[in-house]
């Protein structure tokens, strides 16, 4: 099942260079078609997965602010930390 936390984890994995953009896009596309989304958040999760699934197309390129906004919509407060 895909939940808010699952999506958050994938976005953070991408931002931390643990997965590539292609992997994030593939995961999001699979999630849209899988449709095993948390029932209480289906609309939000579908919206975010659709955006992530198109992120490899030039006209839908996502910036840091887009990821920040998605994480905020999911109920998280993104922070940048240099380690």
N, C-alpha and C. Protein backbone atom coordinates (compact mmCIF):
# COMPACT_ATOMS: atom_id res chain seq x y z
N UNK A 1 0.84 -1.18 0.00
CA UNK A 1 0.00 0.00 0.00
C UNK A 1 0.89 1.25 0.00
N UNK A 2 0.50 2.21 -0.79
CA UNK A 2 1.24 3.47 -0.85
C UNK A 2 0.55 4.46 0.08
N UNK A 3 1.33 4.99 1.01
CA UNK A 3 0.83 5.95 2.00
C UNK A 3 1.59 7.26 1.87
N UNK A 4 1.20 8.24 2.66
CA UNK A 4 1.94 9.51 2.69
C UNK A 4 3.42 9.26 3.00
N UNK A 5 3.66 8.37 3.96
CA UNK A 5 5.04 8.09 4.37
C UNK A 5 5.82 7.41 3.24
N UNK A 6 5.19 6.53 2.50
CA UNK A 6 5.85 5.86 1.38
C UNK A 6 6.30 6.88 0.34
N UNK A 7 5.42 7.82 0.01
CA UNK A 7 5.76 8.85 -0.98
C UNK A 7 6.87 9.74 -0.43
N UNK A 8 6.75 10.12 0.83
CA UNK A 8 7.80 10.94 1.46
C UNK A 8 9.14 10.24 1.37
N UNK A 9 9.17 8.96 1.68
CA UNK A 9 10.43 8.21 1.65
C UNK A 9 11.05 8.19 0.26
N UNK A 10 10.23 8.06 -0.76
CA UNK A 10 10.74 8.03 -2.14
C UNK A 10 11.28 9.40 -2.56
N UNK A 11 10.56 10.46 -2.20
CA UNK A 11 11.04 11.81 -2.52
C UNK A 11 12.36 12.07 -1.82
N UNK A 12 12.44 11.72 -0.55
CA UNK A 12 13.69 11.95 0.19
C UNK A 12 14.83 11.10 -0.36
N UNK A 13 14.53 9.88 -0.77
CA UNK A 13 15.57 9.02 -1.36
C UNK A 13 16.11 9.68 -2.63
N UNK A 14 15.25 10.26 -3.41
CA UNK A 14 15.71 10.96 -4.62
C UNK A 14 16.53 12.19 -4.25
N UNK A 15 16.02 13.02 -3.36
CA UNK A 15 16.73 14.25 -2.99
C UNK A 15 18.08 13.97 -2.34
N UNK A 16 18.20 12.81 -1.69
CA UNK A 16 19.47 12.42 -1.05
C UNK A 16 20.34 11.56 -1.96
N UNK A 17 19.98 11.49 -3.24
CA UNK A 17 20.75 10.76 -4.25
C UNK A 17 20.88 9.27 -3.95
N UNK A 18 19.88 8.72 -3.29
CA UNK A 18 19.85 7.28 -3.04
C UNK A 18 19.20 6.54 -4.21
N UNK A 19 18.34 7.23 -4.94
CA UNK A 19 17.75 6.71 -6.17
C UNK A 19 17.84 7.79 -7.24
N UNK A 20 17.76 7.38 -8.49
CA UNK A 20 17.84 8.33 -9.61
C UNK A 20 16.46 8.88 -9.93
N UNK A 21 16.45 9.92 -10.76
CA UNK A 21 15.18 10.47 -11.21
C UNK A 21 14.40 9.40 -11.97
N UNK A 22 15.09 8.63 -12.79
CA UNK A 22 14.42 7.56 -13.55
C UNK A 22 13.76 6.55 -12.61
N UNK A 23 14.41 6.21 -11.52
CA UNK A 23 13.84 5.27 -10.56
C UNK A 23 12.62 5.88 -9.86
N UNK A 24 12.71 7.16 -9.51
CA UNK A 24 11.58 7.84 -8.88
C UNK A 24 10.39 7.88 -9.83
N UNK A 25 10.64 8.24 -11.08
CA UNK A 25 9.58 8.31 -12.09
C UNK A 25 8.95 6.94 -12.30
N UNK A 26 9.77 5.90 -12.44
CA UNK A 26 9.25 4.54 -12.63
C UNK A 26 8.39 4.12 -11.44
N UNK A 27 8.87 4.40 -10.24
CA UNK A 27 8.12 4.04 -9.04
C UNK A 27 6.77 4.77 -9.02
N UNK A 28 6.78 6.07 -9.33
CA UNK A 28 5.54 6.86 -9.31
C UNK A 28 4.57 6.36 -10.38
N UNK A 29 5.07 6.08 -11.57
CA UNK A 29 4.20 5.57 -12.64
C UNK A 29 3.58 4.24 -12.23
N UNK A 30 4.37 3.36 -11.65
CA UNK A 30 3.85 2.08 -11.17
C UNK A 30 2.77 2.31 -10.11
N UNK A 31 3.00 3.29 -9.24
CA UNK A 31 2.05 3.59 -8.18
C UNK A 31 0.71 4.07 -8.71
N UNK A 32 0.74 4.85 -9.78
CA UNK A 32 -0.50 5.34 -10.38
C UNK A 32 -1.31 4.17 -10.92
N UNK A 33 -0.64 3.23 -11.57
CA UNK A 33 -1.35 2.11 -12.18
C UNK A 33 -1.67 1.02 -11.17
N UNK A 34 -0.86 0.93 -10.12
CA UNK A 34 -1.09 -0.08 -9.09
C UNK A 34 -2.39 0.20 -8.34
N UNK A 35 -2.62 1.48 -8.06
CA UNK A 35 -3.84 1.95 -7.41
C UNK A 35 -4.09 1.34 -6.04
N UNK A 36 -3.04 0.89 -5.35
CA UNK A 36 -3.18 0.41 -3.98
C UNK A 36 -2.76 1.55 -3.05
N UNK A 37 -3.59 2.60 -3.06
CA UNK A 37 -3.29 3.80 -2.31
C UNK A 37 -4.10 3.84 -1.02
N UNK A 38 -3.53 4.45 -0.01
CA UNK A 38 -4.24 4.64 1.24
C UNK A 38 -5.56 5.35 0.95
N UNK A 39 -6.67 4.72 1.31
CA UNK A 39 -8.00 5.22 0.97
C UNK A 39 -8.26 6.64 1.44
N UNK A 40 -7.78 6.99 2.61
CA UNK A 40 -8.08 8.32 3.14
C UNK A 40 -7.31 9.43 2.43
N UNK A 41 -6.28 9.07 1.66
CA UNK A 41 -5.46 10.06 0.97
C UNK A 41 -5.37 9.82 -0.54
N UNK A 42 -6.29 9.06 -1.09
CA UNK A 42 -6.19 8.66 -2.49
C UNK A 42 -6.01 9.84 -3.44
N UNK A 43 -6.82 10.86 -3.31
CA UNK A 43 -6.75 12.00 -4.23
C UNK A 43 -5.40 12.70 -4.16
N UNK A 44 -4.94 13.00 -2.96
CA UNK A 44 -3.65 13.66 -2.78
C UNK A 44 -2.51 12.79 -3.30
N UNK A 45 -2.51 11.53 -2.95
CA UNK A 45 -1.44 10.64 -3.38
C UNK A 45 -1.42 10.49 -4.90
N UNK A 46 -2.59 10.39 -5.51
CA UNK A 46 -2.66 10.26 -6.96
C UNK A 46 -2.13 11.52 -7.64
N UNK A 47 -2.47 12.68 -7.09
CA UNK A 47 -1.98 13.95 -7.64
C UNK A 47 -0.46 14.03 -7.59
N UNK A 48 0.12 13.67 -6.46
CA UNK A 48 1.56 13.74 -6.29
C UNK A 48 2.26 12.68 -7.15
N UNK A 49 1.73 11.47 -7.18
CA UNK A 49 2.32 10.42 -8.01
C UNK A 49 2.29 10.81 -9.49
N UNK A 50 1.22 11.44 -9.92
CA UNK A 50 1.13 11.88 -11.32
C UNK A 50 2.21 12.92 -11.63
N UNK A 51 2.43 13.84 -10.71
CA UNK A 51 3.48 14.86 -10.90
C UNK A 51 4.86 14.22 -10.95
N UNK A 52 5.10 13.31 -10.02
CA UNK A 52 6.39 12.63 -9.99
C UNK A 52 6.59 11.76 -11.22
N UNK A 53 5.53 11.14 -11.68
CA UNK A 53 5.61 10.27 -12.83
C UNK A 53 5.94 10.99 -14.13
N UNK A 54 5.71 12.29 -14.15
CA UNK A 54 6.00 13.09 -15.35
C UNK A 54 7.28 13.91 -15.20
N UNK A 55 7.98 13.75 -14.10
CA UNK A 55 9.13 14.60 -13.80
C UNK A 55 10.30 14.44 -14.76
N UNK A 56 10.31 13.38 -15.55
CA UNK A 56 11.41 13.20 -16.49
C UNK A 56 11.14 13.86 -17.84
N UNK A 57 9.98 14.47 -17.98
CA UNK A 57 9.65 15.19 -19.21
C UNK A 57 10.00 16.66 -19.02
N UNK A 58 10.67 17.25 -20.00
CA UNK A 58 11.18 18.62 -19.87
C UNK A 58 10.11 19.61 -19.43
N UNK A 59 8.92 19.52 -19.99
CA UNK A 59 7.88 20.48 -19.65
C UNK A 59 7.31 20.28 -18.24
N UNK A 60 7.62 19.16 -17.61
CA UNK A 60 7.14 18.89 -16.25
C UNK A 60 8.29 18.76 -15.25
N UNK A 61 9.46 19.27 -15.61
CA UNK A 61 10.64 19.24 -14.74
C UNK A 61 10.28 19.83 -13.38
N UNK A 62 10.71 19.18 -12.33
CA UNK A 62 10.42 19.64 -10.97
C UNK A 62 11.64 20.31 -10.35
N UNK A 63 11.41 21.37 -9.63
CA UNK A 63 12.44 22.11 -8.91
C UNK A 63 12.34 21.76 -7.42
N UNK A 64 13.37 22.19 -6.67
CA UNK A 64 13.38 21.95 -5.23
C UNK A 64 12.07 22.41 -4.59
N UNK A 65 11.57 23.57 -4.99
CA UNK A 65 10.34 24.11 -4.41
C UNK A 65 9.15 23.17 -4.65
N UNK A 66 9.12 22.50 -5.79
CA UNK A 66 8.04 21.55 -6.07
C UNK A 66 8.08 20.37 -5.10
N UNK A 67 9.29 19.84 -4.87
CA UNK A 67 9.43 18.74 -3.91
C UNK A 67 9.07 19.20 -2.50
N UNK A 68 9.50 20.42 -2.16
CA UNK A 68 9.18 21.01 -0.86
C UNK A 68 7.66 21.08 -0.69
N UNK A 69 6.98 21.58 -1.71
CA UNK A 69 5.52 21.70 -1.64
C UNK A 69 4.84 20.34 -1.53
N UNK A 70 5.34 19.35 -2.25
CA UNK A 70 4.76 18.02 -2.15
C UNK A 70 4.92 17.46 -0.74
N UNK A 71 6.11 17.60 -0.18
CA UNK A 71 6.33 17.12 1.18
C UNK A 71 5.43 17.86 2.17
N UNK A 72 5.25 19.15 1.96
CA UNK A 72 4.35 19.93 2.82
C UNK A 72 2.92 19.44 2.70
N UNK A 73 2.46 19.18 1.47
CA UNK A 73 1.11 18.65 1.26
C UNK A 73 0.92 17.32 1.96
N UNK A 74 1.98 16.54 2.04
CA UNK A 74 1.92 15.24 2.70
C UNK A 74 1.93 15.36 4.22
N UNK A 75 2.14 16.59 4.72
CA UNK A 75 2.12 16.82 6.15
C UNK A 75 3.47 16.87 6.81
N UNK A 76 4.53 17.02 6.01
CA UNK A 76 5.89 17.07 6.55
C UNK A 76 6.46 18.47 6.38
N UNK A 77 7.37 18.83 7.26
CA UNK A 77 8.04 20.12 7.17
C UNK A 77 9.47 19.87 6.73
N UNK A 78 9.75 20.03 5.43
CA UNK A 78 11.10 19.76 4.91
C UNK A 78 12.12 20.73 5.51
N UNK A 79 13.30 20.21 5.79
CA UNK A 79 14.43 21.00 6.26
C UNK A 79 15.68 20.51 5.54
N UNK A 80 16.58 21.43 5.27
CA UNK A 80 17.83 21.06 4.63
C UNK A 80 18.90 21.03 5.70
N UNK A 81 19.67 19.94 5.73
CA UNK A 81 20.76 19.78 6.69
C UNK A 81 21.98 19.35 5.92
N UNK A 82 23.10 20.01 6.16
CA UNK A 82 24.35 19.61 5.54
C UNK A 82 25.10 18.70 6.51
N UNK A 83 25.47 17.52 6.03
CA UNK A 83 26.16 16.56 6.91
C UNK A 83 27.60 16.43 6.50
